[in-house]
PDB file of all heavy atoms in Angstrom:
ATOM      1  N   LEU A   1       0.819  -1.186   0.027  1.00  0.00           N
ATOM      2  CA  LEU A   1      -0.028   0.048   0.080  1.00  0.00           C
ATOM      3  C   LEU A   1       0.897   1.213  -0.067  1.00  0.00           C
ATOM      4  O   LEU A   1       1.857   1.386   0.786  1.00  0.00           O
ATOM      5  CB  LEU A   1      -0.908   0.000   1.297  1.00  0.00           C
ATOM      6  CG  LEU A   1      -2.144   0.829   1.099  1.00  0.00           C
ATOM      7  CD1 LEU A   1      -3.091   0.402   0.048  1.00  0.00           C
ATOM      8  CD2 LEU A   1      -2.850   0.899   2.544  1.00  0.00           C
ATOM      9  N   ARG A   2       0.552   2.224  -0.911  1.00  0.00           N
ATOM     10  CA  ARG A   2       1.297   3.529  -0.926  1.00  0.00           C
ATOM     11  C   ARG A   2       0.243   4.566  -1.028  1.00  0.00           C
ATOM     12  O   ARG A   2      -0.816   4.499  -1.729  1.00  0.00           O
ATOM     13  CB  ARG A   2       2.186   3.522  -2.204  1.00  0.00           C
ATOM     14  CG  ARG A   2       3.287   2.375  -2.237  1.00  0.00           C
ATOM     15  CD  ARG A   2       4.077   2.404  -3.485  1.00  0.00           C
ATOM     16  NE  ARG A   2       5.114   1.376  -3.351  1.00  0.00           N
ATOM     17  CZ  ARG A   2       6.259   1.351  -2.798  1.00  0.00           C
ATOM     18  NH1 ARG A   2       6.598   2.515  -2.175  1.00  0.00           N
ATOM     19  NH2 ARG A   2       7.002   0.332  -2.786  1.00  0.00           N
ATOM     20  N   VAL A   3       0.544   5.673  -0.485  1.00  0.00           N
ATOM     21  CA  VAL A   3      -0.245   6.857  -0.442  1.00  0.00           C
ATOM     22  C   VAL A   3       0.762   8.092  -0.603  1.00  0.00           C
ATOM     23  O   VAL A   3       1.554   8.242   0.279  1.00  0.00           O
ATOM     24  CB  VAL A   3      -1.060   7.172   0.660  1.00  0.00           C
ATOM     25  CG1 VAL A   3      -1.902   8.446   0.447  1.00  0.00           C
ATOM     26  CG2 VAL A   3      -2.188   6.007   0.953  1.00  0.00           C
ATOM     27  N   ALA A   4       0.726   8.728  -1.637  1.00  0.00           N
ATOM     28  CA  ALA A   4       1.575   9.870  -1.958  1.00  0.00           C
ATOM     29  C   ALA A   4       0.698  11.136  -2.123  1.00  0.00           C
ATOM     30  O   ALA A   4      -0.252  11.082  -2.872  1.00  0.00           O
ATOM     31  CB  ALA A   4       2.559   9.620  -3.142  1.00  0.00           C
ATOM     32  N   PHE A   5       1.200  12.286  -1.572  1.00  0.00           N
ATOM     33  CA  PHE A   5       0.483  13.514  -1.691  1.00  0.00           C
ATOM     34  C   PHE A   5       1.409  14.469  -2.537  1.00  0.00           C
ATOM     35  O   PHE A   5       2.667  14.446  -2.351  1.00  0.00           O
ATOM     36  CB  PHE A   5       0.199  14.162  -0.440  1.00  0.00           C
ATOM     37  CG  PHE A   5      -0.687  13.432   0.447  1.00  0.00           C
ATOM     38  CD1 PHE A   5      -0.294  12.806   1.688  1.00  0.00           C
ATOM     39  CD2 PHE A   5      -2.068  13.158   0.126  1.00  0.00           C
ATOM     40  CE1 PHE A   5      -1.165  12.043   2.449  1.00  0.00           C
ATOM     41  CE2 PHE A   5      -2.940  12.484   0.937  1.00  0.00           C
ATOM     42  CZ  PHE A   5      -2.445  11.916   2.120  1.00  0.00           C
ATOM     43  N   PRO A   6       0.772  15.260  -3.503  1.00  0.00           N
ATOM     44  CA  PRO A   6       1.577  16.061  -4.375  1.00  0.00           C
ATOM     45  C   PRO A   6       2.415  16.982  -3.483  1.00  0.00           C
ATOM     46  O   PRO A   6       2.102  17.547  -2.488  1.00  0.00           O
ATOM     47  CB  PRO A   6       0.573  16.840  -5.067  1.00  0.00           C
ATOM     48  CG  PRO A   6      -0.763  16.083  -5.004  1.00  0.00           C
ATOM     49  CD  PRO A   6      -0.678  15.351  -3.749  1.00  0.00           C
ATOM     50  N   GLY A   7       3.698  17.233  -3.933  1.00  0.00           N
ATOM     51  CA  GLY A   7       4.591  18.114  -3.424  1.00  0.00           C
ATOM     52  C   GLY A   7       4.217  19.558  -3.553  1.00  0.00           C
ATOM     53  O   GLY A   7       3.434  19.969  -4.340  1.00  0.00           O
ATOM     54  N   ARG A   8       4.814  20.390  -2.593  1.00  0.00           N
ATOM     55  CA  ARG A   8       4.576  21.726  -2.593  1.00  0.00           C
ATOM     56  C   ARG A   8       5.317  22.498  -3.730  1.00  0.00           C
ATOM     57  O   ARG A   8       6.460  22.244  -3.844  1.00  0.00           O
ATOM     58  CB  ARG A   8       4.861  22.436  -1.226  1.00  0.00           C
ATOM     59  CG  ARG A   8       4.013  21.880  -0.025  1.00  0.00           C
ATOM     60  CD  ARG A   8       4.540  22.464   1.247  1.00  0.00           C
ATOM     61  NE  ARG A   8       3.791  21.889   2.393  1.00  0.00           N
ATOM     62  CZ  ARG A   8       4.034  22.167   3.609  1.00  0.00           C
ATOM     63  NH1 ARG A   8       5.051  23.000   3.888  1.00  0.00           N
ATOM     64  NH2 ARG A   8       3.350  21.653   4.703  1.00  0.00           N
ATOM     65  N   ARG A   9       4.580  23.380  -4.429  1.00  0.00           N
ATOM     66  CA  ARG A   9       5.258  24.200  -5.383  1.00  0.00           C
ATOM     67  C   ARG A   9       6.110  23.364  -6.408  1.00  0.00           C
ATOM     68  O   ARG A   9       7.195  23.590  -6.805  1.00  0.00           O
ATOM     69  CB  ARG A   9       6.198  25.217  -4.805  1.00  0.00           C
ATOM     70  CG  ARG A   9       5.378  26.108  -3.954  1.00  0.00           C
ATOM     71  CD  ARG A   9       6.284  27.207  -3.261  1.00  0.00           C
ATOM     72  NE  ARG A   9       5.516  28.041  -2.297  1.00  0.00           N
ATOM     73  CZ  ARG A   9       6.188  28.985  -1.634  1.00  0.00           C
ATOM     74  NH1 ARG A   9       7.443  29.206  -1.610  1.00  0.00           N
ATOM     75  NH2 ARG A   9       5.400  29.767  -0.840  1.00  0.00           N
ATOM     76  N   GLY A  10       5.512  22.063  -6.747  1.00  0.00           N
ATOM     77  CA  GLY A  10       6.171  21.367  -7.766  1.00  0.00           C
ATOM     78  C   GLY A  10       7.293  20.471  -7.199  1.00  0.00           C
ATOM     79  O   GLY A  10       8.001  19.804  -7.998  1.00  0.00           O
ATOM     80  N   GLY A  11       7.476  20.408  -5.888  1.00  0.00           N
ATOM     81  CA  GLY A  11       8.447  19.558  -5.155  1.00  0.00           C
ATOM     82  C   GLY A  11       8.145  18.138  -5.311  1.00  0.00           C
ATOM     83  O   GLY A  11       7.115  17.699  -5.808  1.00  0.00           O
ATOM     84  N   PRO A  12       8.975  17.310  -4.722  1.00  0.00           N
ATOM     85  CA  PRO A  12       8.732  15.876  -4.614  1.00  0.00           C
ATOM     86  C   PRO A  12       7.574  15.502  -3.945  1.00  0.00           C
ATOM     87  O   PRO A  12       7.188  16.279  -2.940  1.00  0.00           O
ATOM     88  CB  PRO A  12      10.071  15.287  -4.125  1.00  0.00           C
ATOM     89  CG  PRO A  12      10.667  16.398  -3.215  1.00  0.00           C
ATOM     90  CD  PRO A  12      10.283  17.592  -4.145  1.00  0.00           C
ATOM     91  N   ALA A  13       6.779  14.463  -4.325  1.00  0.00           N
ATOM     92  CA  ALA A  13       5.638  13.880  -3.588  1.00  0.00           C
ATOM     93  C   ALA A  13       6.058  13.483  -2.125  1.00  0.00           C
ATOM     94  O   ALA A  13       7.118  12.908  -1.795  1.00  0.00           O
ATOM     95  CB  ALA A  13       5.006  12.945  -4.309  1.00  0.00           C
ATOM     96  N   ALA A  14       5.065  13.731  -1.247  1.00  0.00           N
ATOM     97  CA  ALA A  14       5.287  13.206   0.091  1.00  0.00           C
ATOM     98  C   ALA A  14       4.767  11.841   0.253  1.00  0.00           C
ATOM     99  O   ALA A  14       3.597  11.551  -0.019  1.00  0.00           O
ATOM    100  CB  ALA A  14       4.518  14.056   1.091  1.00  0.00           C
ATOM    101  N   ARG A  15       5.658  10.866   0.563  1.00  0.00           N
ATOM    102  CA  ARG A  15       5.305   9.399   0.668  1.00  0.00           C
ATOM    103  C   ARG A  15       4.746   9.077   2.014  1.00  0.00           C
ATOM    104  O   ARG A  15       5.508   8.488   2.831  1.00  0.00           O
ATOM    105  CB  ARG A  15       6.628   8.689   0.149  1.00  0.00           C
ATOM    106  CG  ARG A  15       6.882   8.776  -1.167  1.00  0.00           C
ATOM    107  CD  ARG A  15       8.408   8.736  -1.445  1.00  0.00           C
ATOM    108  NE  ARG A  15       9.086   7.407  -1.024  1.00  0.00           N
ATOM    109  CZ  ARG A  15      10.375   7.233  -1.128  1.00  0.00           C
ATOM    110  NH1 ARG A  15      11.112   8.143  -1.670  1.00  0.00           N
ATOM    111  NH2 ARG A  15      10.828   6.057  -0.687  1.00  0.00           N
ATOM    112  N   ALA A  16       3.583   9.444   2.286  1.00  0.00           N
ATOM    113  CA  ALA A  16       2.982   9.188   3.586  1.00  0.00           C
ATOM    114  C   ALA A  16       2.929   7.822   3.962  1.00  0.00           C
ATOM    115  O   ALA A  16       3.086   7.429   5.081  1.00  0.00           O
ATOM    116  CB  ALA A  16       1.666   9.970   3.627  1.00  0.00           C
ATOM    117  N   VAL A  17       2.474   6.988   2.949  1.00  0.00           N
ATOM    118  CA  VAL A  17       2.411   5.479   3.183  1.00  0.00           C
ATOM    119  C   VAL A  17       3.362   5.010   2.051  1.00  0.00           C
ATOM    120  O   VAL A  17       2.908   5.194   0.883  1.00  0.00           O
ATOM    121  CB  VAL A  17       1.067   4.927   3.259  1.00  0.00           C
ATOM    122  CG1 VAL A  17       1.059   3.426   3.266  1.00  0.00           C
ATOM    123  CG2 VAL A  17       0.079   5.448   4.311  1.00  0.00           C
ATOM    124  N   ASP A  18       4.389   4.148   2.451  1.00  0.00           N
ATOM    125  CA  ASP A  18       5.295   3.967   1.406  1.00  0.00           C
ATOM    126  C   ASP A  18       5.674   2.394   1.328  1.00  0.00           C
ATOM    127  O   ASP A  18       6.820   2.024   1.531  1.00  0.00           O
ATOM    128  CB  ASP A  18       6.642   4.715   1.809  1.00  0.00           C
ATOM    129  CG  ASP A  18       7.683   4.712   0.784  1.00  0.00           C
ATOM    130  OD1 ASP A  18       7.286   4.474  -0.552  1.00  0.00           O
ATOM    131  OD2 ASP A  18       8.898   5.000   0.987  1.00  0.00           O
ATOM    132  N   GLY A  19       4.606   1.600   1.045  1.00  0.00           N
ATOM    133  CA  GLY A  19       4.820   0.160   0.750  1.00  0.00           C
ATOM    134  C   GLY A  19       4.570  -0.541   2.076  1.00  0.00           C
ATOM    135  O   GLY A  19       5.499  -0.903   2.755  1.00  0.00           O
ATOM    136  N   VAL A  20       3.268  -0.771   2.422  1.00  0.00           N
ATOM    137  CA  VAL A  20       2.809  -1.386   3.707  1.00  0.00           C
ATOM    138  C   VAL A  20       2.068  -2.641   3.339  1.00  0.00           C
ATOM    139  O   VAL A  20       1.208  -2.597   2.577  1.00  0.00           O
ATOM    140  CB  VAL A  20       2.025  -0.358   4.539  1.00  0.00           C
ATOM    141  CG1 VAL A  20       1.390  -1.070   5.659  1.00  0.00           C
ATOM    142  CG2 VAL A  20       3.007   0.680   5.050  1.00  0.00           C
ATOM    143  N   ASP A  21       2.525  -3.739   4.039  1.00  0.00           N
ATOM    144  CA  ASP A  21       1.725  -4.870   4.120  1.00  0.00           C
ATOM    145  C   ASP A  21       1.262  -5.165   5.574  1.00  0.00           C
ATOM    146  O   ASP A  21       1.990  -4.891   6.422  1.00  0.00           O
ATOM    147  CB  ASP A  21       2.504  -6.223   3.790  1.00  0.00           C
ATOM    148  CG  ASP A  21       3.004  -6.160   2.385  1.00  0.00           C
ATOM    149  OD1 ASP A  21       2.630  -5.379   1.629  1.00  0.00           O
ATOM    150  OD2 ASP A  21       3.805  -7.192   2.041  1.00  0.00           O
ATOM    151  N   LEU A  22      -0.032  -5.324   5.609  1.00  0.00           N
ATOM    152  CA  LEU A  22      -0.711  -5.425   6.985  1.00  0.00           C
ATOM    153  C   LEU A  22      -2.025  -6.248   6.895  1.00  0.00           C
ATOM    154  O   LEU A  22      -2.686  -6.063   6.062  1.00  0.00           O
ATOM    155  CB  LEU A  22      -1.063  -4.009   7.438  1.00  0.00           C
ATOM    156  CG  LEU A  22      -1.601  -4.003   8.961  1.00  0.00           C
ATOM    157  CD1 LEU A  22      -0.523  -4.318   9.942  1.00  0.00           C
ATOM    158  CD2 LEU A  22      -2.224  -2.468   9.274  1.00  0.00           C
ATOM    159  N   ASP A  23      -2.067  -7.138   7.895  1.00  0.00           N
ATOM    160  CA  ASP A  23      -3.168  -8.011   7.946  1.00  0.00           C
ATOM    161  C   ASP A  23      -3.915  -7.862   9.299  1.00  0.00           C
ATOM    162  O   ASP A  23      -3.243  -7.573  10.311  1.00  0.00           O
ATOM    163  CB  ASP A  23      -2.931  -9.528   7.899  1.00  0.00           C
ATOM    164  CG  ASP A  23      -2.427  -9.902   6.545  1.00  0.00           C
ATOM    165  OD1 ASP A  23      -2.766  -9.195   5.611  1.00  0.00           O
ATOM    166  OD2 ASP A  23      -1.863 -11.011   6.428  1.00  0.00           O
ATOM    167  N   ILE A  24      -5.183  -7.924   9.402  1.00  0.00           N
ATOM    168  CA  ILE A  24      -6.024  -7.876  10.630  1.00  0.00           C
ATOM    169  C   ILE A  24      -6.991  -9.012  10.530  1.00  0.00           C
ATOM    170  O   ILE A  24      -7.756  -9.183   9.625  1.00  0.00           O
ATOM    171  CB  ILE A  24      -6.824  -6.580  10.731  1.00  0.00           C
ATOM    172  CG1 ILE A  24      -5.923  -5.388  10.708  1.00  0.00           C
ATOM    173  CG2 ILE A  24      -7.579  -6.569  12.055  1.00  0.00           C
ATOM    174  CD1 ILE A  24      -6.624  -4.007  10.756  1.00  0.00           C
ATOM    175  N   GLY A  25      -6.771  -9.892  11.478  1.00  0.00           N
ATOM    176  CA  GLY A  25      -7.647 -11.184  11.468  1.00  0.00           C
ATOM    177  C   GLY A  25      -9.116 -11.006  12.038  1.00  0.00           C
ATOM    178  O   GLY A  25      -9.182  -9.871  12.764  1.00  0.00           O
ATOM    179  N   ALA A  26      -9.900 -11.897  11.984  1.00  0.00           N
ATOM    180  CA  ALA A  26     -11.245 -11.843  12.486  1.00  0.00           C
ATOM    181  C   ALA A  26     -11.051 -11.876  13.990  1.00  0.00           C
ATOM    182  O   ALA A  26     -10.483 -12.724  14.515  1.00  0.00           O
ATOM    183  CB  ALA A  26     -12.074 -13.051  12.017  1.00  0.00           C
TER     184      ALA A  26
END
């Protein structure tokens, strides 16, 4: 899972979530 937000003033994107594997069982 990845979530990136656009960078400020054309800068690099903020990688808020950067490749996450996660499980939640019943």
